[in-house]
PDB file of N, CA and C in Angstrom:
ATOM      1  N   UNK A   1      72.189 226.752  85.843  1.00  0.00           N
ATOM      2  CA  UNK A   1      72.272 225.515  85.109  1.00  0.00           C
ATOM      3  C   UNK A   1      72.590 224.377  86.104  1.00  0.00           C
ATOM      4  N   UNK A   2      71.839 223.276  86.095  1.00  0.00           N
ATOM      5  CA  UNK A   2      72.102 222.183  87.043  1.00  0.00           C
ATOM      6  C   UNK A   2      73.413 221.475  86.707  1.00  0.00           C
ATOM      7  N   UNK A   3      74.068 221.012  87.797  1.00  0.00           N
ATOM      8  CA  UNK A   3      75.336 220.300  87.618  1.00  0.00           C
ATOM      9  C   UNK A   3      75.054 218.848  87.271  1.00  0.00           C
ATOM     10  N   UNK A   4      75.930 218.230  86.471  1.00  0.00           N
ATOM     11  CA  UNK A   4      75.709 216.825  86.125  1.00  0.00           C
ATOM     12  C   UNK A   4      75.856 215.937  87.363  1.00  0.00           C
ATOM     13  N   UNK A   5      75.071 214.872  87.402  1.00  0.00           N
ATOM     14  CA  UNK A   5      75.099 213.950  88.536  1.00  0.00           C
ATOM     15  C   UNK A   5      76.410 213.178  88.541  1.00  0.00           C
ATOM     16  N   UNK A   6      76.912 212.941  89.744  1.00  0.00           N
ATOM     17  CA  UNK A   6      78.154 212.173  89.887  1.00  0.00           C
ATOM     18  C   UNK A   6      77.875 210.719  89.574  1.00  0.00           C
ATOM     19  N   UNK A   7      78.838 210.023  89.000  1.00  0.00           N
ATOM     20  CA  UNK A   7      78.609 208.609  88.703  1.00  0.00           C
ATOM     21  C   UNK A   7      78.461 207.800  89.987  1.00  0.00           C
ATOM     22  N   UNK A   8      77.611 206.793  89.938  1.00  0.00           N
ATOM     23  CA  UNK A   8      77.396 205.943  91.105  1.00  0.00           C
ATOM     24  C   UNK A   8      78.649 205.105  91.345  1.00  0.00           C
ATOM     25  N   UNK A   9      79.028 204.972  92.632  1.00  0.00           N
ATOM     26  CA  UNK A   9      80.201 204.139  92.906  1.00  0.00           C
ATOM     27  C   UNK A   9      79.877 202.677  92.646  1.00  0.00           C
ATOM     28  N   UNK A  10      80.823 201.991  92.064  1.00  0.00           N
ATOM     29  CA  UNK A  10      80.642 200.576  91.754  1.00  0.00           C
ATOM     30  C   UNK A  10      81.132 199.725  92.916  1.00  0.00           C
ATOM     31  N   UNK A  11      80.517 198.571  93.093  1.00  0.00           N
ATOM     32  CA  UNK A  11      80.985 197.641  94.109  1.00  0.00           C
ATOM     33  C   UNK A  11      82.278 196.965  93.688  1.00  0.00           C
ATOM     34  N   UNK A  12      82.506 196.927  92.407  1.00  0.00           N
ATOM     35  CA  UNK A  12      83.732 196.325  91.900  1.00  0.00           C
ATOM     36  C   UNK A  12      84.810 197.382  91.816  1.00  0.00           C
ATOM     37  N   UNK A  13      86.062 197.021  92.104  1.00  0.00           N
ATOM     38  CA  UNK A  13      87.129 198.003  91.993  1.00  0.00           C
ATOM     39  C   UNK A  13      87.361 198.369  90.533  1.00  0.00           C
ATOM     40  N   UNK A  14      87.861 199.581  90.308  1.00  0.00           N
ATOM     41  CA  UNK A  14      88.107 199.953  88.918  1.00  0.00           C
ATOM     42  C   UNK A  14      89.176 199.064  88.315  1.00  0.00           C
ATOM     43  N   UNK A  15      88.967 198.678  87.102  1.00  0.00           N
ATOM     44  CA  UNK A  15      89.936 197.817  86.429  1.00  0.00           C
ATOM     45  C   UNK A  15      90.049 198.259  84.985  1.00  0.00           C
ATOM     46  N   UNK A  16      90.938 197.635  84.290  1.00  0.00           N
ATOM     47  CA  UNK A  16      91.182 198.027  82.907  1.00  0.00           C
ATOM     48  C   UNK A  16      90.312 197.238  81.941  1.00  0.00           C
ATOM     49  N   UNK A  17      89.373 196.421  82.486  1.00  0.00           N
ATOM     50  CA  UNK A  17      88.524 195.632  81.602  1.00  0.00           C
ATOM     51  C   UNK A  17      87.350 196.484  81.132  1.00  0.00           C
ATOM     52  N   UNK A  18      86.891 196.202  79.966  1.00  0.00           N
ATOM     53  CA  UNK A  18      85.778 196.950  79.399  1.00  0.00           C
ATOM     54  C   UNK A  18      84.450 196.357  79.818  1.00  0.00           C
ATOM     55  N   UNK A  19      83.336 196.999  79.459  1.00  0.00           N
ATOM     56  CA  UNK A  19      82.015 196.507  79.850  1.00  0.00           C
ATOM     57  C   UNK A  19      81.652 195.190  79.165  1.00  0.00           C
ATOM     58  N   UNK A  20      82.303 194.869  78.069  1.00  0.00           N
ATOM     59  CA  UNK A  20      82.000 193.615  77.374  1.00  0.00           C
ATOM     60  C   UNK A  20      82.814 192.438  77.909  1.00  0.00           C
ATOM     61  N   UNK A  21      83.684 192.695  78.854  1.00  0.00           N
ATOM     62  CA  UNK A  21      84.571 191.642  79.365  1.00  0.00           C
ATOM     63  C   UNK A  21      84.012 191.096  80.679  1.00  0.00           C
ATOM     64  N   UNK A  22      82.768 190.622  80.648  1.00  0.00           N
ATOM     65  CA  UNK A  22      82.117 190.150  81.864  1.00  0.00           C
ATOM     66  C   UNK A  22      82.729 188.881  82.438  1.00  0.00           C
ATOM     67  N   UNK A  23      83.368 187.976  81.689  1.00  0.00           N
ATOM     68  CA  UNK A  23      83.988 186.815  82.343  1.00  0.00           C
ATOM     69  C   UNK A  23      85.114 187.215  83.292  1.00  0.00           C
ATOM     70  N   UNK A  24      85.881 188.227  82.922  1.00  0.00           N
ATOM     71  CA  UNK A  24      86.964 188.680  83.803  1.00  0.00           C
ATOM     72  C   UNK A  24      86.377 189.310  85.060  1.00  0.00           C
ATOM     73  N   UNK A  25      85.318 190.089  84.890  1.00  0.00           N
ATOM     74  CA  UNK A  25      84.680 190.701  86.055  1.00  0.00           C
ATOM     75  C   UNK A  25      84.079 189.640  86.971  1.00  0.00           C
ATOM     76  N   UNK A  26      83.485 188.612  86.399  1.00  0.00           N
ATOM     77  CA  UNK A  26      82.903 187.531  87.210  1.00  0.00           C
ATOM     78  C   UNK A  26      83.994 186.768  87.947  1.00  0.00           C
ATOM     79  N   UNK A  27      85.103 186.516  87.266  1.00  0.00           N
ATOM     80  CA  UNK A  27      86.207 185.808  87.914  1.00  0.00           C
ATOM     81  C   UNK A  27      86.800 186.643  89.045  1.00  0.00           C
ATOM     82  N   UNK A  28      86.925 187.961  88.840  1.00  0.00           N
ATOM     83  CA  UNK A  28      87.432 188.832  89.898  1.00  0.00           C
ATOM     84  C   UNK A  28      86.486 188.855  91.098  1.00  0.00           C
ATOM     85  N   UNK A  29      85.195 188.929  90.828  1.00  0.00           N
ATOM     86  CA  UNK A  29      84.216 188.930  91.912  1.00  0.00           C
ATOM     87  C   UNK A  29      84.263 187.611  92.680  1.00  0.00           C
ATOM     88  N   UNK A  30      84.391 186.500  91.978  1.00  0.00           N
ATOM     89  CA  UNK A  30      84.473 185.197  92.628  1.00  0.00           C
ATOM     90  C   UNK A  30      85.750 185.088  93.461  1.00  0.00           C
ATOM     91  N   UNK A  31      86.839 185.601  92.949  1.00  0.00           N
ATOM     92  CA  UNK A  31      88.103 185.564  93.689  1.00  0.00           C
ATOM     93  C   UNK A  31      88.002 186.396  94.972  1.00  0.00           C
ATOM     94  N   UNK A  32      87.368 187.562  94.889  1.00  0.00           N
ATOM     95  CA  UNK A  32      87.187 188.389  96.093  1.00  0.00           C
ATOM     96  C   UNK A  32      86.286 187.683  97.102  1.00  0.00           C
ATOM     97  N   UNK A  33      85.263 187.001  96.622  1.00  0.00           N
ATOM     98  CA  UNK A  33      84.369 186.266  97.515  1.00  0.00           C
ATOM     99  C   UNK A  33      85.114 185.142  98.234  1.00  0.00           C
ATOM    100  N   UNK A  34      85.891 184.384  97.485  1.00  0.00           N
ATOM    101  CA  UNK A  34      86.641 183.272  98.089  1.00  0.00           C
ATOM    102  C   UNK A  34      87.656 183.800  99.094  1.00  0.00           C
ATOM    103  N   UNK A  35      88.316 184.903  98.761  1.00  0.00           N
ATOM    104  CA  UNK A  35      89.297 185.492  99.677  1.00  0.00           C
ATOM    105  C   UNK A  35      88.629 185.974 100.960  1.00  0.00           C
ATOM    106  N   UNK A  36      87.462 186.573 100.837  1.00  0.00           N
ATOM    107  CA  UNK A  36      86.734 187.049 102.011  1.00  0.00           C
ATOM    108  C   UNK A  36      86.292 185.886 102.892  1.00  0.00           C
ATOM    109  N   UNK A  37      85.769 184.842 102.278  1.00  0.00           N
ATOM    110  CA  UNK A  37      85.340 183.666 103.044  1.00  0.00           C
ATOM    111  C   UNK A  37      86.529 183.027 103.741  1.00  0.00           C
ATOM    112  N   UNK A  38      87.644 182.931 103.048  1.00  0.00           N
ATOM    113  CA  UNK A  38      88.848 182.341 103.650  1.00  0.00           C
ATOM    114  C   UNK A  38      89.316 183.171 104.837  1.00  0.00           C
ATOM    115  N   UNK A  39      89.312 184.507 104.674  1.00  0.00           N
ATOM    116  CA  UNK A  39      89.782 185.379 105.740  1.00  0.00           C
ATOM    117  C   UNK A  39      88.875 185.273 106.969  1.00  0.00           C
ATOM    118  N   UNK A  40      87.581 185.053 106.760  1.00  0.00           N
ATOM    119  CA  UNK A  40      86.644 185.027 107.882  1.00  0.00           C
ATOM    120  C   UNK A  40      86.437 183.645 108.480  1.00  0.00           C
ATOM    121  N   UNK A  41      86.885 182.592 107.816  1.00  0.00           N
ATOM    122  CA  UNK A  41      86.671 181.246 108.353  1.00  0.00           C
ATOM    123  C   UNK A  41      87.973 180.504 108.625  1.00  0.00           C
ATOM    124  N   UNK A  42      88.843 180.430 107.651  1.00  0.00           N
ATOM    125  CA  UNK A  42      90.036 179.607 107.783  1.00  0.00           C
ATOM    126  C   UNK A  42      91.013 180.181 108.795  1.00  0.00           C
ATOM    127  N   UNK A  43      91.241 181.479 108.750  1.00  0.00           N
ATOM    128  CA  UNK A  43      92.216 182.076 109.668  1.00  0.00           C
ATOM    129  C   UNK A  43      91.782 181.953 111.133  1.00  0.00           C
ATOM    130  N   UNK A  44      90.507 182.225 111.485  1.00  0.00           N
ATOM    131  CA  UNK A  44      90.117 181.996 112.884  1.00  0.00           C
ATOM    132  C   UNK A  44      90.214 180.515 113.287  1.00  0.00           C
ATOM    133  N   UNK A  45      89.894 179.610 112.372  1.00  0.00           N
ATOM    134  CA  UNK A  45      90.008 178.182 112.686  1.00  0.00           C
ATOM    135  C   UNK A  45      91.460 177.801 112.927  1.00  0.00           C
ATOM    136  N   UNK A  46      92.377 178.337 112.132  1.00  0.00           N
ATOM    137  CA  UNK A  46      93.798 178.065 112.352  1.00  0.00           C
ATOM    138  C   UNK A  46      94.266 178.640 113.681  1.00  0.00           C
ATOM    139  N   UNK A  47      93.762 179.803 114.044  1.00  0.00           N
ATOM    140  CA  UNK A  47      94.140 180.403 115.322  1.00  0.00           C
ATOM    141  C   UNK A  47      93.680 179.528 116.486  1.00  0.00           C
ATOM    142  N   UNK A  48      92.462 179.031 116.418  1.00  0.00           N
ATOM    143  CA  UNK A  48      91.944 178.153 117.479  1.00  0.00           C
ATOM    144  C   UNK A  48      92.736 176.849 117.531  1.00  0.00           C
ATOM    145  N   UNK A  49      93.038 176.280 116.375  1.00  0.00           N
ATOM    146  CA  UNK A  49      93.802 175.032 116.349  1.00  0.00           C
ATOM    147  C   UNK A  49      95.193 175.226 116.933  1.00  0.00           C
ATOM    148  N   UNK A  50      95.835 176.346 116.591  1.00  0.00           N
ATOM    149  CA  UNK A  50      97.169 176.609 117.165  1.00  0.00           C
ATOM    150  C   UNK A  50      97.083 176.785 118.669  1.00  0.00           C
ATOM    151  N   UNK A  51      96.057 177.493 119.143  1.00  0.00           N
ATOM    152  CA  UNK A  51      95.883 177.677 120.580  1.00  0.00           C
ATOM    153  C   UNK A  51      95.717 176.333 121.282  1.00  0.00           C
ATOM    154  N   UNK A  52      94.917 175.446 120.695  1.00  0.00           N
ATOM    155  CA  UNK A  52      94.718 174.133 121.314  1.00  0.00           C
ATOM    156  C   UNK A  52      96.003 173.316 121.338  1.00  0.00           C
ATOM    157  N   UNK A  53      96.733 173.313 120.231  1.00  0.00           N
ATOM    158  CA  UNK A  53      97.968 172.519 120.167  1.00  0.00           C
ATOM    159  C   UNK A  53      99.008 173.063 121.132  1.00  0.00           C
ATOM    160  N   UNK A  54      99.266 174.373 121.059  1.00  0.00           N
ATOM    161  CA  UNK A  54     100.291 174.950 121.927  1.00  0.00           C
ATOM    162  C   UNK A  54      99.854 174.950 123.388  1.00  0.00           C
ATOM    163  N   UNK A  55      98.578 175.117 123.649  1.00  0.00           N
ATOM    164  CA  UNK A  55      98.081 175.052 125.024  1.00  0.00           C
ATOM    165  C   UNK A  55      98.233 173.665 125.623  1.00  0.00           C
ATOM    166  N   UNK A  56      97.928 172.641 124.815  1.00  0.00           N
ATOM    167  CA  UNK A  56      98.109 171.267 125.288  1.00  0.00           C
ATOM    168  C   UNK A  56      99.573 170.972 125.553  1.00  0.00           C
ATOM    169  N   UNK A  57     100.434 171.405 124.645  1.00  0.00           N
ATOM    170  CA  UNK A  57     101.875 171.194 124.833  1.00  0.00           C
ATOM    171  C   UNK A  57     102.370 171.917 126.078  1.00  0.00           C
ATOM    172  N   UNK A  58     101.933 173.157 126.281  1.00  0.00           N
ATOM    173  CA  UNK A  58     102.341 173.906 127.468  1.00  0.00           C
ATOM    174  C   UNK A  58     101.833 173.234 128.747  1.00  0.00           C
ATOM    175  N   UNK A  59     100.621 172.715 128.709  1.00  0.00           N
ATOM    176  CA  UNK A  59     100.083 172.024 129.881  1.00  0.00           C
ATOM    177  C   UNK A  59     100.866 170.760 130.222  1.00  0.00           C
ATOM    178  N   UNK A  60     101.210 169.985 129.197  1.00  0.00           N
ATOM    179  CA  UNK A  60     101.976 168.755 129.434  1.00  0.00           C
ATOM    180  C   UNK A  60     103.359 169.091 129.972  1.00  0.00           C
ATOM    181  N   UNK A  61     104.021 170.072 129.352  1.00  0.00           N
ATOM    182  CA  UNK A  61     105.356 170.457 129.827  1.00  0.00           C
ATOM    183  C   UNK A  61     105.302 171.065 131.225  1.00  0.00           C
ATOM    184  N   UNK A  62     104.258 171.839 131.504  1.00  0.00           N
ATOM    185  CA  UNK A  62     104.106 172.417 132.838  1.00  0.00           C
ATOM    186  C   UNK A  62     103.882 171.349 133.901  1.00  0.00           C
ATOM    187  N   UNK A  63     103.080 170.345 133.571  1.00  0.00           N
ATOM    188  CA  UNK A  63     102.852 169.251 134.509  1.00  0.00           C
ATOM    189  C   UNK A  63     104.135 168.462 134.763  1.00  0.00           C
ATOM    190  N   UNK A  64     104.886 168.204 133.699  1.00  0.00           N
ATOM    191  CA  UNK A  64     106.166 167.500 133.863  1.00  0.00           C
ATOM    192  C   UNK A  64     107.132 168.323 134.711  1.00  0.00           C
ATOM    193  N   UNK A  65     107.176 169.634 134.491  1.00  0.00           N
ATOM    194  CA  UNK A  65     108.054 170.499 135.279  1.00  0.00           C
ATOM    195  C   UNK A  65     107.634 170.504 136.750  1.00  0.00           C
ATOM    196  N   UNK A  66     106.328 170.490 137.024  1.00  0.00           N
ATOM    197  CA  UNK A  66     105.840 170.465 138.400  1.00  0.00           C
ATOM    198  C   UNK A  66     106.232 169.170 139.106  1.00  0.00           C
ATOM    199  N   UNK A  67     106.115 168.059 138.406  1.00  0.00           N
ATOM    200  CA  UNK A  67     106.495 166.771 138.994  1.00  0.00           C
ATOM    201  C   UNK A  67     107.998 166.741 139.283  1.00  0.00           C
ATOM    202  N   UNK A  68     108.798 167.191 138.312  1.00  0.00           N
ATOM    203  CA  UNK A  68     110.250 167.211 138.528  1.00  0.00           C
ATOM    204  C   UNK A  68     110.638 168.166 139.651  1.00  0.00           C
ATOM    205  N   UNK A  69     109.967 169.321 139.724  1.00  0.00           N
ATOM    206  CA  UNK A  69     110.249 170.272 140.794  1.00  0.00           C
ATOM    207  C   UNK A  69     109.933 169.674 142.161  1.00  0.00           C
ATOM    208  N   UNK A  70     108.777 169.027 142.277  1.00  0.00           N
ATOM    209  CA  UNK A  70     108.405 168.468 143.584  1.00  0.00           C
ATOM    210  C   UNK A  70     109.335 167.329 143.988  1.00  0.00           C
ATOM    211  N   UNK A  71     109.728 166.487 143.032  1.00  0.00           N
ATOM    212  CA  UNK A  71     110.667 165.400 143.362  1.00  0.00           C
ATOM    213  C   UNK A  71     112.023 165.974 143.754  1.00  0.00           C
ATOM    214  N   UNK A  72     112.477 166.993 143.038  1.00  0.00           N
ATOM    215  CA  UNK A  72     113.756 167.621 143.384  1.00  0.00           C
ATOM    216  C   UNK A  72     113.700 168.309 144.735  1.00  0.00           C
ATOM    217  N   UNK A  73     112.574 168.937 145.060  1.00  0.00           N
ATOM    218  CA  UNK A  73     112.431 169.594 146.358  1.00  0.00           C
ATOM    219  C   UNK A  73     112.465 168.580 147.495  1.00  0.00           C
ATOM    220  N   UNK A  74     111.792 167.455 147.316  1.00  0.00           N
ATOM    221  CA  UNK A  74     111.814 166.409 148.353  1.00  0.00           C
ATOM    222  C   UNK A  74     113.237 165.886 148.529  1.00  0.00           C
ATOM    223  N   UNK A  75     113.944 165.649 147.446  1.00  0.00           N
ATOM    224  CA  UNK A  75     115.326 165.144 147.552  1.00  0.00           C
ATOM    225  C   UNK A  75     116.243 166.177 148.194  1.00  0.00           C
ATOM    226  N   UNK A  76     116.073 167.465 147.826  1.00  0.00           N
ATOM    227  CA  UNK A  76     116.904 168.515 148.408  1.00  0.00           C
ATOM    228  C   UNK A  76     116.654 168.638 149.900  1.00  0.00           C
ATOM    229  N   UNK A  77     115.388 168.639 150.299  1.00  0.00           N
ATOM    230  CA  UNK A  77     115.071 168.720 151.728  1.00  0.00           C
ATOM    231  C   UNK A  77     115.526 167.479 152.486  1.00  0.00           C
ATOM    232  N   UNK A  78     115.466 166.333 151.854  1.00  0.00           N
ATOM    233  CA  UNK A  78     115.904 165.096 152.501  1.00  0.00           C
ATOM    234  C   UNK A  78     117.400 165.124 152.772  1.00  0.00           C
ATOM    235  N   UNK A  79     118.160 165.739 151.877  1.00  0.00           N
ATOM    236  CA  UNK A  79     119.616 165.799 152.054  1.00  0.00           C
ATOM    237  C   UNK A  79     119.979 166.771 153.170  1.00  0.00           C
ATOM    238  N   UNK A  80     119.305 167.931 153.236  1.00  0.00           N
ATOM    239  CA  UNK A  80     119.711 168.969 154.170  1.00  0.00           C
ATOM    240  C   UNK A  80     118.973 168.970 155.500  1.00  0.00           C
ATOM    241  N   UNK A  81     117.897 168.211 155.642  1.00  0.00           N
ATOM    242  CA  UNK A  81     117.199 168.117 156.924  1.00  0.00           C
ATOM    243  C   UNK A  81     117.651 166.863 157.649  1.00  0.00           C
ATOM    244  N   UNK A  82     117.987 166.983 158.926  1.00  0.00           N
ATOM    245  CA  UNK A  82     118.364 165.767 159.659  1.00  0.00           C
ATOM    246  C   UNK A  82     117.129 164.898 159.934  1.00  0.00           C
ATOM    247  N   UNK A  83     117.321 163.620 159.995  1.00  0.00           N
ATOM    248  CA  UNK A  83     116.219 162.717 160.299  1.00  0.00           C
ATOM    249  C   UNK A  83     115.723 161.982 159.066  1.00  0.00           C
ATOM    250  N   UNK A  84     114.506 161.506 159.165  1.00  0.00           N
ATOM    251  CA  UNK A  84     113.921 160.701 158.091  1.00  0.00           C
ATOM    252  C   UNK A  84     113.322 161.574 156.979  1.00  0.00           C
ATOM    253  N   UNK A  85     112.890 160.879 155.913  1.00  0.00           N
ATOM    254  CA  UNK A  85     112.375 161.585 154.741  1.00  0.00           C
ATOM    255  C   UNK A  85     110.978 162.146 154.965  1.00  0.00           C
ATOM    256  N   UNK A  86     110.289 161.720 156.031  1.00  0.00           N
ATOM    257  CA  UNK A  86     108.919 162.184 156.223  1.00  0.00           C
ATOM    258  C   UNK A  86     108.862 163.694 156.440  1.00  0.00           C
ATOM    259  N   UNK A  87     109.952 164.281 156.974  1.00  0.00           N
ATOM    260  CA  UNK A  87     109.974 165.736 157.166  1.00  0.00           C
ATOM    261  C   UNK A  87     109.966 166.462 155.808  1.00  0.00           C
ATOM    262  N   UNK A  88     110.726 165.939 154.869  1.00  0.00           N
ATOM    263  CA  UNK A  88     110.756 166.542 153.537  1.00  0.00           C
ATOM    264  C   UNK A  88     109.394 166.421 152.870  1.00  0.00           C
ATOM    265  N   UNK A  89     108.751 165.273 153.033  1.00  0.00           N
ATOM    266  CA  UNK A  89     107.414 165.098 152.459  1.00  0.00           C
ATOM    267  C   UNK A  89     106.405 166.023 153.139  1.00  0.00           C
ATOM    268  N   UNK A  90     106.526 166.211 154.437  1.00  0.00           N
ATOM    269  CA  UNK A  90     105.623 167.075 155.180  1.00  0.00           C
ATOM    270  C   UNK A  90     105.765 168.531 154.713  1.00  0.00           C
ATOM    271  N   UNK A  91     106.985 168.996 154.569  1.00  0.00           N
ATOM    272  CA  UNK A  91     107.213 170.381 154.133  1.00  0.00           C
ATOM    273  C   UNK A  91     106.715 170.577 152.702  1.00  0.00           C
ATOM    274  N   UNK A  92     107.038 169.639 151.815  1.00  0.00           N
ATOM    275  CA  UNK A  92     106.597 169.761 150.415  1.00  0.00           C
ATOM    276  C   UNK A  92     105.069 169.709 150.323  1.00  0.00           C
ATOM    277  N   UNK A  93     104.464 168.799 151.049  1.00  0.00           N
ATOM    278  CA  UNK A  93     103.003 168.721 151.057  1.00  0.00           C
ATOM    279  C   UNK A  93     102.378 169.972 151.626  1.00  0.00           C
ATOM    280  N   UNK A  94     102.985 170.535 152.655  1.00  0.00           N
ATOM    281  CA  UNK A  94     102.475 171.781 153.229  1.00  0.00           C
ATOM    282  C   UNK A  94     102.548 172.938 152.241  1.00  0.00           C
ATOM    283  N   UNK A  95     103.671 173.011 151.503  1.00  0.00           N
ATOM    284  CA  UNK A  95     103.806 174.063 150.489  1.00  0.00           C
ATOM    285  C   UNK A  95     102.744 173.927 149.404  1.00  0.00           C
ATOM    286  N   UNK A  96     102.522 172.708 148.932  1.00  0.00           N
ATOM    287  CA  UNK A  96     101.506 172.499 147.903  1.00  0.00           C
ATOM    288  C   UNK A  96     100.097 172.753 148.449  1.00  0.00           C
ATOM    289  N   UNK A  97      99.867 172.432 149.717  1.00  0.00           N
ATOM    290  CA  UNK A  97      98.569 172.709 150.332  1.00  0.00           C
ATOM    291  C   UNK A  97      98.324 174.212 150.436  1.00  0.00           C
ATOM    292  N   UNK A  98      99.354 174.954 150.846  1.00  0.00           N
ATOM    293  CA  UNK A  98      99.212 176.404 150.923  1.00  0.00           C
ATOM    294  C   UNK A  98      98.993 177.015 149.535  1.00  0.00           C
ATOM    295  N   UNK A  99      99.691 176.503 148.538  1.00  0.00           N
ATOM    296  CA  UNK A  99      99.494 176.994 147.173  1.00  0.00           C
ATOM    297  C   UNK A  99      98.065 176.690 146.705  1.00  0.00           C
ATOM    298  N   UNK A 100      97.574 175.508 146.988  1.00  0.00           N
ATOM    299  CA  UNK A 100      96.210 175.142 146.617  1.00  0.00           C
ATOM    300  C   UNK A 100      95.170 175.988 147.335  1.00  0.00           C
ATOM    301  N   UNK A 101      95.384 176.268 148.608  1.00  0.00           N
ATOM    302  CA  UNK A 101      94.452 177.128 149.340  1.00  0.00           C
ATOM    303  C   UNK A 101      94.477 178.551 148.798  1.00  0.00           C
ATOM    304  N   UNK A 102      95.655 179.030 148.408  1.00  0.00           N
ATOM    305  CA  UNK A 102      95.746 180.363 147.810  1.00  0.00           C
ATOM    306  C   UNK A 102      94.979 180.442 146.506  1.00  0.00           C
ATOM    307  N   UNK A 103      95.101 179.416 145.685  1.00  0.00           N
ATOM    308  CA  UNK A 103      94.360 179.381 144.425  1.00  0.00           C
ATOM    309  C   UNK A 103      92.859 179.240 144.701  1.00  0.00           C
ATOM    310  N   UNK A 104      92.500 178.486 145.718  1.00  0.00           N
ATOM    311  CA  UNK A 104      91.095 178.279 146.060  1.00  0.00           C
ATOM    312  C   UNK A 104      90.421 179.592 146.469  1.00  0.00           C
ATOM    313  N   UNK A 105      91.160 180.451 147.158  1.00  0.00           N
ATOM    314  CA  UNK A 105      90.569 181.725 147.592  1.00  0.00           C
ATOM    315  C   UNK A 105      90.397 182.694 146.412  1.00  0.00           C
ATOM    316  N   UNK A 106      91.109 182.496 145.327  1.00  0.00           N
ATOM    317  CA  UNK A 106      91.010 183.379 144.151  1.00  0.00           C
ATOM    318  C   UNK A 106      89.889 182.973 143.197  1.00  0.00           C
ATOM    319  N   UNK A 107      89.218 181.873 143.451  1.00  0.00           N
ATOM    320  CA  UNK A 107      88.184 181.415 142.531  1.00  0.00           C
ATOM    321  C   UNK A 107      86.976 182.326 142.603  1.00  0.00           C
ATOM    322  N   UNK A 108      86.186 182.279 141.527  1.00  0.00           N
ATOM    323  CA  UNK A 108      84.927 183.035 141.491  1.00  0.00           C
ATOM    324  C   UNK A 108      83.781 182.049 141.646  1.00  0.00           C
ATOM    325  N   UNK A 109      82.816 182.425 142.437  1.00  0.00           N
ATOM    326  CA  UNK A 109      81.652 181.568 142.631  1.00  0.00           C
ATOM    327  C   UNK A 109      80.770 181.647 141.383  1.00  0.00           C
ATOM    328  N   UNK A 110      80.219 180.504 140.985  1.00  0.00           N
ATOM    329  CA  UNK A 110      79.318 180.493 139.848  1.00  0.00           C
ATOM    330  C   UNK A 110      77.962 181.045 140.265  1.00  0.00           C
ATOM    331  N   UNK A 111      77.252 181.708 139.358  1.00  0.00           N
ATOM    332  CA  UNK A 111      75.949 182.271 139.720  1.00  0.00           C
ATOM    333  C   UNK A 111      74.933 181.152 140.027  1.00  0.00           C
ATOM    334  N   UNK A 112      74.123 181.387 141.013  1.00  0.00           N
ATOM    335  CA  UNK A 112      73.115 180.406 141.414  1.00  0.00           C
ATOM    336  C   UNK A 112      71.941 180.523 140.454  1.00  0.00           C
ATOM    337  N   UNK A 113      71.514 179.394 139.924  1.00  0.00           N
ATOM    338  CA  UNK A 113      70.389 179.400 138.975  1.00  0.00           C
ATOM    339  C   UNK A 113      69.129 178.941 139.637  1.00  0.00           C
TER     340      UNK A 113
END
């Protein structure tokens, strides 16, 4: 004797609504659609916006910290090195030049087109 066919799975989740309650089913389907669209569009957009805001803030604060560090280094070297301030500027400039050359060697060349 053949076995009865299994019921086809529905795209809608099982609910307590009957087959005649199509407005509730339509509203549930619309709510799931809106939730899916929101999850796939709004959340990534918020993530990008947060990255831009916090990245800009970090860049501004980092630049301010670099300026304050370099001014403090020049003043510290000026106090502890005998002679004029040009020695402090020379040492600080040399340190920044070496840091820049180190970063320059880590760059990747762009592909030639």
